[in-house]
N, C-alpha and C. Protein backbone atom coordinates (compact mmCIF):
# COMPACT_ATOMS: atom_id res chain seq x y z
N MET A 1 9.39 -37.17 -53.14
CA MET A 1 9.68 -38.02 -52.02
C MET A 1 8.38 -38.44 -51.33
N LYS A 2 8.25 -39.72 -51.07
CA LYS A 2 7.10 -40.24 -50.33
C LYS A 2 7.46 -40.36 -48.86
N LEU A 3 6.52 -40.00 -47.99
CA LEU A 3 6.75 -40.02 -46.55
C LEU A 3 5.76 -40.95 -45.87
N ILE A 4 6.27 -41.88 -45.08
CA ILE A 4 5.44 -42.77 -44.27
C ILE A 4 5.47 -42.22 -42.85
N ASP A 5 4.31 -41.87 -42.33
CA ASP A 5 4.19 -41.25 -41.02
C ASP A 5 3.84 -42.32 -39.99
N LYS A 6 4.75 -42.57 -39.04
CA LYS A 6 4.54 -43.61 -38.04
C LYS A 6 4.78 -43.08 -36.63
N LEU A 7 4.22 -43.81 -35.67
CA LEU A 7 4.40 -43.51 -34.26
C LEU A 7 5.09 -44.70 -33.61
N ALA A 8 5.92 -44.45 -32.59
CA ALA A 8 6.61 -45.53 -31.90
C ALA A 8 6.61 -45.28 -30.40
N TRP A 9 6.53 -46.37 -29.66
CA TRP A 9 6.63 -46.33 -28.20
C TRP A 9 8.02 -46.81 -27.83
N ILE A 10 8.74 -45.99 -27.09
CA ILE A 10 10.10 -46.30 -26.66
C ILE A 10 10.05 -46.68 -25.18
N GLU A 11 10.34 -47.94 -24.91
CA GLU A 11 10.33 -48.45 -23.54
C GLU A 11 11.72 -48.98 -23.22
N ILE A 12 12.35 -48.40 -22.20
CA ILE A 12 13.70 -48.79 -21.79
C ILE A 12 13.64 -49.29 -20.36
N GLN A 13 14.21 -50.47 -20.13
CA GLN A 13 14.31 -51.02 -18.78
C GLN A 13 15.71 -51.60 -18.62
N ASP A 14 16.37 -51.24 -17.53
CA ASP A 14 17.72 -51.73 -17.23
C ASP A 14 18.69 -51.51 -18.39
N GLY A 15 18.54 -50.37 -19.07
CA GLY A 15 19.44 -50.03 -20.16
C GLY A 15 19.16 -50.74 -21.46
N LYS A 16 18.09 -51.54 -21.51
CA LYS A 16 17.72 -52.27 -22.72
C LYS A 16 16.43 -51.70 -23.27
N ILE A 17 16.29 -51.75 -24.60
CA ILE A 17 15.12 -51.17 -25.26
C ILE A 17 14.23 -52.26 -25.84
N LEU A 18 12.95 -52.09 -25.63
CA LEU A 18 11.95 -53.04 -26.12
C LEU A 18 11.85 -52.95 -27.64
N SER A 19 11.86 -54.10 -28.29
CA SER A 19 11.69 -54.14 -29.73
C SER A 19 10.86 -55.36 -30.10
N THR A 20 10.35 -55.37 -31.32
CA THR A 20 9.49 -56.45 -31.76
C THR A 20 9.89 -56.91 -33.16
N ARG A 21 9.54 -58.15 -33.45
CA ARG A 21 9.73 -58.67 -34.81
C ARG A 21 8.40 -59.22 -35.28
N SER A 22 7.95 -58.74 -36.43
CA SER A 22 6.69 -59.20 -37.01
C SER A 22 6.88 -60.54 -37.71
N LYS A 23 5.81 -61.28 -37.84
CA LYS A 23 5.84 -62.56 -38.54
C LYS A 23 6.36 -62.35 -39.96
N GLY A 24 7.28 -63.20 -40.38
CA GLY A 24 7.83 -63.12 -41.72
C GLY A 24 8.94 -62.10 -41.91
N ARG A 25 9.31 -61.39 -40.88
CA ARG A 25 10.37 -60.38 -40.95
C ARG A 25 11.63 -60.86 -40.26
N THR A 26 12.76 -60.29 -40.64
CA THR A 26 14.01 -60.63 -39.97
C THR A 26 14.50 -59.49 -39.08
N LYS A 27 14.11 -58.26 -39.39
CA LYS A 27 14.55 -57.10 -38.60
C LYS A 27 13.57 -56.83 -37.47
N TYR A 28 14.11 -56.16 -36.45
CA TYR A 28 13.31 -55.74 -35.31
C TYR A 28 12.88 -54.28 -35.50
N TYR A 29 11.73 -53.96 -34.95
CA TYR A 29 11.15 -52.62 -35.05
C TYR A 29 10.59 -52.22 -33.69
N PHE A 30 10.64 -50.92 -33.40
CA PHE A 30 9.99 -50.44 -32.19
C PHE A 30 8.48 -50.63 -32.34
N PRO A 31 7.79 -50.98 -31.26
CA PRO A 31 6.35 -51.14 -31.37
C PRO A 31 5.67 -49.82 -31.69
N GLY A 32 4.58 -49.91 -32.44
CA GLY A 32 3.83 -48.74 -32.85
C GLY A 32 3.24 -48.95 -34.22
N GLY A 33 2.92 -47.87 -34.91
CA GLY A 33 2.35 -48.00 -36.25
C GLY A 33 1.79 -46.69 -36.76
N LYS A 34 0.86 -46.83 -37.68
CA LYS A 34 0.28 -45.66 -38.37
C LYS A 34 -1.05 -45.27 -37.75
N ARG A 35 -1.37 -43.99 -37.92
CA ARG A 35 -2.66 -43.47 -37.46
C ARG A 35 -3.78 -43.96 -38.36
N GLU A 36 -4.94 -44.12 -37.75
CA GLU A 36 -6.16 -44.30 -38.54
C GLU A 36 -6.84 -42.94 -38.61
N LEU A 37 -7.71 -42.77 -39.58
CA LEU A 37 -8.39 -41.50 -39.82
C LEU A 37 -9.01 -40.96 -38.53
N GLY A 38 -8.67 -39.72 -38.20
CA GLY A 38 -9.25 -39.03 -37.05
C GLY A 38 -8.54 -39.26 -35.73
N GLU A 39 -7.53 -40.14 -35.71
CA GLU A 39 -6.84 -40.41 -34.45
C GLU A 39 -5.76 -39.36 -34.17
N ASN A 40 -5.63 -38.97 -32.91
CA ASN A 40 -4.48 -38.15 -32.52
C ASN A 40 -3.33 -39.10 -32.20
N ASP A 41 -2.17 -38.54 -31.85
CA ASP A 41 -1.00 -39.39 -31.61
C ASP A 41 -1.25 -40.41 -30.51
N PHE A 42 -1.80 -39.99 -29.37
CA PHE A 42 -1.99 -40.94 -28.27
C PHE A 42 -2.99 -42.02 -28.64
N GLU A 43 -4.08 -41.65 -29.26
CA GLU A 43 -5.08 -42.65 -29.64
C GLU A 43 -4.49 -43.71 -30.57
N ALA A 44 -3.74 -43.26 -31.56
CA ALA A 44 -3.14 -44.20 -32.52
C ALA A 44 -2.09 -45.07 -31.85
N LEU A 45 -1.20 -44.45 -31.09
CA LEU A 45 -0.13 -45.21 -30.45
C LEU A 45 -0.71 -46.20 -29.43
N SER A 46 -1.66 -45.76 -28.66
CA SER A 46 -2.29 -46.61 -27.66
C SER A 46 -2.96 -47.82 -28.33
N ARG A 47 -3.68 -47.59 -29.40
CA ARG A 47 -4.34 -48.68 -30.12
C ARG A 47 -3.32 -49.67 -30.66
N GLU A 48 -2.27 -49.16 -31.31
CA GLU A 48 -1.24 -50.02 -31.89
C GLU A 48 -0.53 -50.85 -30.81
N ILE A 49 -0.18 -50.21 -29.70
CA ILE A 49 0.53 -50.90 -28.63
C ILE A 49 -0.36 -51.98 -28.00
N ASN A 50 -1.63 -51.67 -27.83
CA ASN A 50 -2.56 -52.67 -27.30
C ASN A 50 -2.69 -53.85 -28.26
N GLU A 51 -2.78 -53.57 -29.57
CA GLU A 51 -2.89 -54.64 -30.57
C GLU A 51 -1.63 -55.50 -30.62
N GLU A 52 -0.46 -54.88 -30.53
CA GLU A 52 0.80 -55.60 -30.71
C GLU A 52 1.32 -56.26 -29.44
N LEU A 53 1.07 -55.64 -28.27
CA LEU A 53 1.71 -56.10 -27.03
C LEU A 53 0.73 -56.44 -25.91
N SER A 54 -0.56 -56.27 -26.14
CA SER A 54 -1.60 -56.61 -25.16
C SER A 54 -1.50 -55.81 -23.86
N ILE A 55 -1.01 -54.57 -23.94
CA ILE A 55 -0.93 -53.70 -22.77
C ILE A 55 -1.64 -52.39 -23.07
N SER A 56 -1.86 -51.59 -22.04
CA SER A 56 -2.50 -50.28 -22.20
C SER A 56 -1.55 -49.18 -21.75
N LEU A 57 -1.32 -48.22 -22.61
CA LEU A 57 -0.51 -47.06 -22.24
C LEU A 57 -1.33 -46.16 -21.32
N ILE A 58 -0.65 -45.50 -20.39
CA ILE A 58 -1.30 -44.58 -19.46
C ILE A 58 -1.13 -43.17 -20.02
N GLU A 59 -2.24 -42.58 -20.43
CA GLU A 59 -2.19 -41.32 -21.19
C GLU A 59 -1.44 -40.21 -20.47
N ASN A 60 -1.73 -39.98 -19.18
CA ASN A 60 -1.09 -38.83 -18.52
C ASN A 60 0.39 -39.04 -18.22
N SER A 61 0.91 -40.24 -18.51
CA SER A 61 2.35 -40.49 -18.34
C SER A 61 3.10 -40.40 -19.66
N THR A 62 2.37 -40.30 -20.74
CA THR A 62 2.99 -40.33 -22.07
C THR A 62 3.72 -39.01 -22.34
N ARG A 63 4.97 -39.15 -22.82
CA ARG A 63 5.83 -37.98 -23.04
C ARG A 63 6.47 -38.07 -24.42
N PHE A 64 6.40 -36.96 -25.16
CA PHE A 64 7.03 -36.86 -26.47
C PHE A 64 8.54 -37.00 -26.32
N LEU A 65 9.16 -37.82 -27.18
CA LEU A 65 10.60 -38.04 -27.12
C LEU A 65 11.32 -37.36 -28.28
N GLY A 66 10.77 -37.46 -29.48
CA GLY A 66 11.41 -36.85 -30.63
C GLY A 66 10.84 -37.38 -31.94
N ILE A 67 11.26 -36.74 -33.04
CA ILE A 67 10.87 -37.15 -34.39
C ILE A 67 12.14 -37.48 -35.15
N PHE A 68 12.15 -38.64 -35.80
CA PHE A 68 13.33 -39.14 -36.50
C PHE A 68 12.94 -39.52 -37.92
N LEU A 69 13.86 -39.31 -38.87
CA LEU A 69 13.59 -39.52 -40.29
C LEU A 69 14.69 -40.35 -40.91
N ALA A 70 14.30 -41.34 -41.74
CA ALA A 70 15.30 -42.18 -42.43
C ALA A 70 14.64 -42.84 -43.63
N GLN A 71 15.48 -43.45 -44.48
CA GLN A 71 15.00 -44.28 -45.57
C GLN A 71 14.13 -45.39 -44.97
N ALA A 72 12.96 -45.61 -45.57
CA ALA A 72 12.05 -46.65 -45.08
C ALA A 72 12.60 -48.03 -45.42
N ASP A 73 12.61 -48.92 -44.44
CA ASP A 73 13.08 -50.28 -44.62
C ASP A 73 12.16 -51.02 -45.59
N SER A 74 12.75 -51.79 -46.51
CA SER A 74 11.99 -52.61 -47.47
C SER A 74 11.13 -51.79 -48.43
N HIS A 75 11.54 -50.55 -48.68
CA HIS A 75 10.84 -49.68 -49.63
C HIS A 75 11.86 -49.15 -50.64
N PRO A 76 11.39 -48.72 -51.82
CA PRO A 76 12.31 -48.16 -52.82
C PRO A 76 13.04 -46.92 -52.30
N ASP A 77 14.22 -46.65 -52.86
CA ASP A 77 14.96 -45.45 -52.49
C ASP A 77 14.07 -44.22 -52.61
N GLY A 78 14.22 -43.32 -51.66
CA GLY A 78 13.44 -42.09 -51.67
C GLY A 78 12.18 -42.15 -50.83
N VAL A 79 11.77 -43.34 -50.43
CA VAL A 79 10.63 -43.46 -49.53
C VAL A 79 11.17 -43.33 -48.11
N GLN A 80 10.74 -42.29 -47.43
CA GLN A 80 11.23 -41.98 -46.09
C GLN A 80 10.17 -42.35 -45.05
N VAL A 81 10.64 -42.72 -43.87
CA VAL A 81 9.74 -42.93 -42.74
C VAL A 81 10.05 -41.86 -41.70
N GLN A 82 8.98 -41.23 -41.23
CA GLN A 82 9.09 -40.25 -40.14
C GLN A 82 8.51 -40.91 -38.90
N MET A 83 9.35 -41.10 -37.89
CA MET A 83 8.94 -41.79 -36.68
C MET A 83 8.81 -40.79 -35.54
N THR A 84 7.59 -40.61 -35.07
CA THR A 84 7.33 -39.75 -33.92
C THR A 84 7.30 -40.65 -32.69
N CYS A 85 8.21 -40.42 -31.76
CA CYS A 85 8.42 -41.33 -30.63
C CYS A 85 7.92 -40.75 -29.31
N TYR A 86 7.37 -41.64 -28.52
CA TYR A 86 6.87 -41.31 -27.19
C TYR A 86 7.35 -42.36 -26.19
N THR A 87 7.46 -41.96 -24.95
CA THR A 87 7.67 -42.88 -23.84
C THR A 87 6.44 -42.80 -22.96
N GLY A 88 6.31 -43.71 -22.03
CA GLY A 88 5.19 -43.65 -21.11
C GLY A 88 4.98 -44.96 -20.38
N ALA A 89 4.32 -44.86 -19.25
CA ALA A 89 4.02 -46.03 -18.43
C ALA A 89 2.87 -46.82 -19.05
N TYR A 90 2.72 -48.06 -18.56
CA TYR A 90 1.68 -48.93 -19.09
C TYR A 90 1.14 -49.83 -17.99
N THR A 91 -0.01 -50.41 -18.26
CA THR A 91 -0.57 -51.44 -17.39
C THR A 91 -0.67 -52.73 -18.18
N GLY A 92 -0.55 -53.84 -17.47
CA GLY A 92 -0.64 -55.14 -18.11
C GLY A 92 0.74 -55.79 -18.22
N THR A 93 0.78 -56.93 -18.87
CA THR A 93 2.00 -57.68 -19.08
C THR A 93 2.31 -57.74 -20.56
N ILE A 94 3.49 -57.31 -20.95
CA ILE A 94 3.88 -57.30 -22.36
C ILE A 94 3.90 -58.72 -22.91
N ALA A 95 3.17 -58.92 -23.99
CA ALA A 95 3.14 -60.22 -24.67
C ALA A 95 2.89 -60.00 -26.16
N ALA A 96 3.58 -60.75 -27.00
CA ALA A 96 3.40 -60.65 -28.45
C ALA A 96 1.96 -60.98 -28.82
N ALA A 97 1.37 -60.15 -29.69
CA ALA A 97 0.00 -60.36 -30.16
C ALA A 97 -0.09 -59.90 -31.61
N SER A 98 -1.20 -60.17 -32.24
CA SER A 98 -1.47 -59.76 -33.61
C SER A 98 -0.36 -60.24 -34.54
N GLU A 99 0.27 -59.32 -35.29
CA GLU A 99 1.32 -59.71 -36.24
C GLU A 99 2.69 -59.88 -35.60
N ILE A 100 2.80 -59.62 -34.30
CA ILE A 100 4.10 -59.69 -33.63
C ILE A 100 4.43 -61.14 -33.28
N GLU A 101 5.59 -61.60 -33.74
CA GLU A 101 6.04 -62.96 -33.47
C GLU A 101 6.98 -63.03 -32.26
N GLU A 102 7.74 -61.93 -32.05
CA GLU A 102 8.75 -61.97 -31.00
C GLU A 102 8.90 -60.60 -30.35
N VAL A 103 9.04 -60.59 -29.03
CA VAL A 103 9.31 -59.39 -28.26
C VAL A 103 10.68 -59.59 -27.61
N VAL A 104 11.58 -58.62 -27.78
CA VAL A 104 12.94 -58.74 -27.25
C VAL A 104 13.37 -57.43 -26.59
N TRP A 105 14.40 -57.54 -25.75
CA TRP A 105 15.04 -56.38 -25.12
C TRP A 105 16.44 -56.28 -25.71
N LEU A 106 16.72 -55.21 -26.42
CA LEU A 106 17.97 -55.06 -27.15
C LEU A 106 18.90 -54.05 -26.48
N THR A 107 20.20 -54.20 -26.75
CA THR A 107 21.19 -53.23 -26.33
C THR A 107 21.77 -52.58 -27.59
N TYR A 108 22.64 -51.62 -27.40
CA TYR A 108 23.23 -50.94 -28.55
C TYR A 108 24.00 -51.91 -29.45
N GLN A 109 24.52 -52.98 -28.90
CA GLN A 109 25.24 -53.97 -29.71
C GLN A 109 24.33 -54.65 -30.73
N ASP A 110 23.02 -54.56 -30.54
CA ASP A 110 22.05 -55.16 -31.46
C ASP A 110 21.62 -54.18 -32.56
N ARG A 111 22.24 -53.04 -32.65
CA ARG A 111 21.84 -51.97 -33.55
C ARG A 111 21.65 -52.43 -35.00
N GLN A 112 22.51 -53.31 -35.49
CA GLN A 112 22.42 -53.75 -36.90
C GLN A 112 21.19 -54.62 -37.17
N ALA A 113 20.52 -55.09 -36.13
CA ALA A 113 19.36 -55.97 -36.29
C ALA A 113 18.05 -55.20 -36.45
N VAL A 114 18.12 -53.85 -36.41
CA VAL A 114 16.91 -53.04 -36.48
C VAL A 114 16.87 -52.22 -37.77
N SER A 115 15.71 -51.64 -38.05
CA SER A 115 15.50 -50.84 -39.26
C SER A 115 16.35 -49.57 -39.24
N PRO A 116 16.55 -48.92 -40.42
CA PRO A 116 17.37 -47.70 -40.48
C PRO A 116 16.90 -46.59 -39.53
N VAL A 117 15.61 -46.32 -39.45
CA VAL A 117 15.15 -45.25 -38.55
C VAL A 117 15.37 -45.65 -37.10
N ASP A 118 15.20 -46.93 -36.78
CA ASP A 118 15.45 -47.38 -35.42
C ASP A 118 16.94 -47.27 -35.08
N GLN A 119 17.82 -47.46 -36.05
CA GLN A 119 19.25 -47.29 -35.82
C GLN A 119 19.57 -45.85 -35.42
N ILE A 120 18.91 -44.90 -36.07
CA ILE A 120 19.11 -43.48 -35.73
C ILE A 120 18.65 -43.22 -34.30
N ILE A 121 17.52 -43.83 -33.92
CA ILE A 121 17.00 -43.67 -32.57
C ILE A 121 17.94 -44.34 -31.56
N PHE A 122 18.47 -45.52 -31.91
CA PHE A 122 19.46 -46.18 -31.05
C PHE A 122 20.64 -45.24 -30.80
N ASP A 123 21.16 -44.60 -31.86
CA ASP A 123 22.29 -43.68 -31.72
C ASP A 123 21.94 -42.53 -30.78
N TRP A 124 20.76 -41.96 -30.97
CA TRP A 124 20.29 -40.84 -30.17
C TRP A 124 20.20 -41.23 -28.70
N LEU A 125 19.63 -42.42 -28.44
CA LEU A 125 19.50 -42.91 -27.07
C LEU A 125 20.87 -43.21 -26.44
N LYS A 126 21.78 -43.77 -27.22
CA LYS A 126 23.12 -44.10 -26.72
C LYS A 126 23.89 -42.82 -26.37
N GLU A 127 23.78 -41.80 -27.22
CA GLU A 127 24.44 -40.50 -26.95
C GLU A 127 24.00 -39.92 -25.62
N ARG A 128 22.74 -40.17 -25.25
CA ARG A 128 22.17 -39.65 -24.00
C ARG A 128 22.33 -40.63 -22.85
N LYS A 129 23.07 -41.72 -23.11
CA LYS A 129 23.36 -42.75 -22.10
C LYS A 129 22.08 -43.36 -21.52
N LEU A 130 21.07 -43.52 -22.38
CA LEU A 130 19.80 -44.11 -21.95
C LEU A 130 19.74 -45.62 -22.20
N ILE A 131 20.61 -46.12 -23.10
CA ILE A 131 20.67 -47.56 -23.35
C ILE A 131 22.11 -48.03 -23.23
N LEU A 132 22.26 -49.32 -22.95
CA LEU A 132 23.60 -49.93 -22.81
C LEU A 132 24.24 -50.16 -24.17
């Protein structure tokens, strides 16, 4: 089994969750990405969020949310993605940047529009009444 190790930032406002769509993609994904060599979780997540959304995460507000595992979207069967999720405050104004074409606020009714691992996270958040 191959494992893709990713980090995600979970931002919820008014019961809706922030999601992004990359250029050329049809599904939405939580913002974040992969670590570069030598980066810890915050360094990697902060860099990815700044690249994708033009904002800065505030380190002392960042809180571990959970680790979720699922079949990786657009990969052969058996390739799994492990998503380590964090929440936290930020400075700046959220705006699509880099490979991000669209930034949206989704509700649980939009669950089918996201990747398999994001669907698991949607379920987890809905069970805890954190999203609409």
